[in-house]
Amino acid sequence: MAEEHDIEYMGSLFALEIEGVELGRFTGISGLGYTAEVVEYTDTLADGKLVTRKRPGRVNYGDITLSRGLSPDNQLVEWYQSVVDGAVERKNGSIVMFDSAGDESGRWNFENAWISEWGASDLDSGGDDIVVETVTITHEFLERVS
C-alpha cells in the first residue's frame, strides 16, 4: 500500500469555484504558487568574522491563469467588466483539481481576487480550431488545502 507521501497527482480537469459556487471547468491552470523574498543581512560572529544571513521576507503570490474552450456563460466576463467599470469586486475562491475518475484530488484557496485580464484566442474563418478563453485572476493570498 502506498504511503501518503508516495501519491502522485495527475490533474485531468480543473474547476474554478467562487464563494463556494463552481463557475466553470478548465483544461489548463498556471500560476499556483508563491515565493518568499530573501532578506540578507550581515552578522558578526563572536570571533569577529562577518557572515551573511538569509531570512524569509514578504511573500508574493503570482497571478492564476485559467484556460478553456470559449463558454457561452458570461459570469467571468461580467466579473471582469466590473473591473473595467471601476467597481472591482474582490472575491474568495478555489481552484479544484479532479482526477480521471472525477474525484477531487487537490484544492487551492485564494483570497481577495479579481479578474485582471480576459481574452480569447484569435478567430480565423479558414480554420476549425476551438476558440480558447483565457482568464487571469490576481489575488492576495493562496494556500494549498489538499
Protein backbone atom coordinates (compact mmCIF):
# COMPACT_ATOMS: atom_id res chain seq x y z
CA MET A 1 0.00 0.00 0.00
CA ALA A 2 1.37 3.44 -0.96
CA GLU A 3 2.30 5.87 1.75
CA GLU A 4 0.54 9.25 1.58
CA HIS A 5 3.78 10.96 0.55
CA ASP A 6 4.17 8.49 -2.36
CA ILE A 7 0.94 9.61 -4.07
CA GLU A 8 1.39 11.22 -7.47
CA TYR A 9 -1.18 13.78 -8.56
CA MET A 10 -2.47 13.81 -12.10
CA GLY A 11 -4.92 16.54 -12.93
CA SER A 12 -7.39 15.76 -15.66
CA LEU A 13 -9.77 18.63 -15.18
CA PHE A 14 -9.93 21.74 -13.06
CA ALA A 15 -12.75 23.86 -11.68
CA LEU A 16 -12.95 27.46 -10.56
CA GLU A 17 -15.13 28.00 -7.50
CA ILE A 18 -16.03 31.49 -6.33
CA GLU A 19 -17.60 31.88 -2.89
CA GLY A 20 -18.34 28.12 -2.91
CA VAL A 21 -20.09 28.08 -6.31
CA GLU A 22 -18.48 26.41 -9.31
CA LEU A 23 -18.20 28.91 -12.18
CA GLY A 24 -16.71 26.56 -14.72
CA ARG A 25 -14.36 23.76 -15.66
CA PHE A 26 -10.99 24.45 -17.23
CA THR A 27 -8.42 22.42 -19.13
CA GLY A 28 -5.37 24.44 -18.11
CA ILE A 29 -4.26 26.30 -14.98
CA SER A 30 -0.96 28.06 -14.32
CA GLY A 31 0.38 30.23 -11.52
CA LEU A 32 -0.48 28.11 -8.49
CA GLY A 33 2.47 29.16 -6.41
CA TYR A 34 4.12 31.71 -4.21
CA THR A 35 7.60 32.91 -3.38
CA ALA A 36 9.18 34.43 -0.31
CA GLU A 37 11.60 37.30 -0.81
CA VAL A 38 15.05 36.63 0.57
CA VAL A 39 16.25 39.25 3.05
CA GLU A 40 20.01 39.29 3.59
CA TYR A 41 21.79 40.89 6.49
CA THR A 42 25.33 40.83 7.84
CA ASP A 43 26.00 39.36 11.25
CA THR A 44 29.21 39.40 13.27
CA LEU A 45 30.22 36.17 14.97
CA ALA A 46 31.86 36.09 18.40
CA ASP A 47 35.30 35.77 16.77
CA GLY A 48 34.68 38.93 14.68
CA LYS A 49 34.06 37.07 11.42
CA LEU A 50 31.33 38.59 9.22
CA VAL A 51 28.70 36.25 7.82
CA THR A 52 25.73 36.88 5.59
CA ARG A 53 22.47 35.55 6.97
CA LYS A 54 19.30 34.98 4.97
CA ARG A 55 15.76 35.01 6.22
CA PRO A 56 12.36 34.99 4.59
CA GLY A 57 10.74 38.30 3.80
CA ARG A 58 7.45 39.27 2.18
CA VAL A 59 5.52 36.50 0.40
CA ASN A 60 4.39 37.20 -3.17
CA TYR A 61 1.54 35.39 -4.90
CA GLY A 62 1.61 35.04 -8.66
CA ASP A 63 -1.45 35.53 -10.84
CA ILE A 64 -3.51 32.45 -11.67
CA THR A 65 -4.27 31.93 -15.36
CA LEU A 66 -7.09 29.60 -16.44
CA SER A 67 -7.92 28.43 -19.96
CA ARG A 68 -10.77 26.51 -21.57
CA GLY A 69 -12.84 26.35 -24.71
CA LEU A 70 -14.90 29.54 -25.00
CA SER A 71 -18.08 29.22 -22.97
CA PRO A 72 -21.47 30.86 -23.60
CA ASP A 73 -21.57 31.56 -19.83
CA ASN A 74 -20.64 35.23 -19.30
CA GLN A 75 -20.11 35.23 -15.50
CA LEU A 76 -16.35 35.69 -15.83
CA VAL A 77 -16.71 38.40 -18.46
CA GLU A 78 -19.20 40.22 -16.23
CA TRP A 79 -16.82 39.97 -13.26
CA TYR A 80 -14.04 41.38 -15.44
CA GLN A 81 -16.38 44.14 -16.68
CA SER A 82 -16.82 45.29 -13.07
CA VAL A 83 -13.07 45.98 -13.03
CA VAL A 84 -13.27 47.90 -16.31
CA ASP A 85 -16.17 49.93 -14.89
CA GLY A 86 -14.10 50.85 -11.81
CA ALA A 87 -16.12 48.76 -9.34
CA VAL A 88 -13.64 45.98 -8.54
CA GLU A 89 -15.42 43.02 -6.95
CA ARG A 90 -12.91 41.14 -4.79
CA LYS A 91 -13.93 37.56 -4.16
CA ASN A 92 -12.59 34.45 -2.44
CA GLY A 93 -12.43 31.17 -4.28
CA SER A 94 -10.75 27.90 -5.04
CA ILE A 95 -9.04 26.04 -7.83
CA VAL A 96 -10.14 22.41 -7.61
CA MET A 97 -8.28 19.58 -9.35
CA PHE A 98 -10.08 16.37 -10.32
CA ASP A 99 -8.58 13.01 -11.24
CA SER A 100 -9.61 10.94 -14.25
CA ALA A 101 -12.43 9.33 -12.22
CA GLY A 102 -13.89 12.77 -11.43
CA ASP A 103 -12.90 12.74 -7.77
CA GLU A 104 -11.38 15.83 -6.15
CA SER A 105 -7.63 15.32 -5.84
CA GLY A 106 -6.41 18.80 -4.91
CA ARG A 107 -7.62 22.23 -3.82
CA TRP A 108 -6.03 25.68 -3.61
CA ASN A 109 -7.92 28.52 -1.90
CA PHE A 110 -7.29 32.15 -2.80
CA GLU A 111 -8.49 35.41 -1.24
CA ASN A 112 -9.33 38.96 -2.34
CA ALA A 113 -9.25 38.06 -6.02
CA TRP A 114 -10.34 39.96 -9.09
CA ILE A 115 -10.01 39.34 -12.81
CA SER A 116 -7.14 41.37 -14.21
CA GLU A 117 -7.30 40.01 -17.76
CA TRP A 118 -9.77 38.23 -20.03
CA GLY A 119 -9.12 37.18 -23.59
CA ALA A 120 -9.94 34.76 -26.38
CA SER A 121 -7.71 33.15 -28.98
CA ASP A 122 -7.51 34.60 -32.48
CA LEU A 123 -10.50 33.99 -34.72
CA ASP A 124 -9.87 32.57 -38.17
CA SER A 125 -12.71 31.76 -40.58
CA GLY A 126 -10.39 29.48 -42.51
CA GLY A 127 -9.65 27.23 -39.53
CA ASP A 128 -11.61 24.90 -37.33
CA ASP A 129 -9.67 25.35 -34.09
CA ILE A 130 -11.59 25.67 -30.84
CA VAL A 131 -11.73 29.24 -29.55
CA VAL A 132 -9.85 29.30 -26.23
CA GLU A 133 -10.90 31.64 -23.41
CA THR A 134 -8.15 32.77 -21.02
CA VAL A 135 -8.77 34.44 -17.66
CA THR A 136 -6.15 35.86 -15.29
CA ILE A 137 -7.02 36.16 -11.62
CA THR A 138 -4.98 38.45 -9.37
CA HIS A 139 -5.19 37.67 -5.67
CA GLU A 140 -3.61 38.47 -2.31
CA PHE A 141 -3.29 35.04 -0.69
CA LEU A 142 -3.05 31.41 -1.80
CA GLU A 143 -2.88 28.18 0.16
CA ARG A 144 -3.00 24.55 -0.81
CA VAL A 145 -5.51 22.80 1.42
CA SER A 146 -5.50 19.34 -0.13
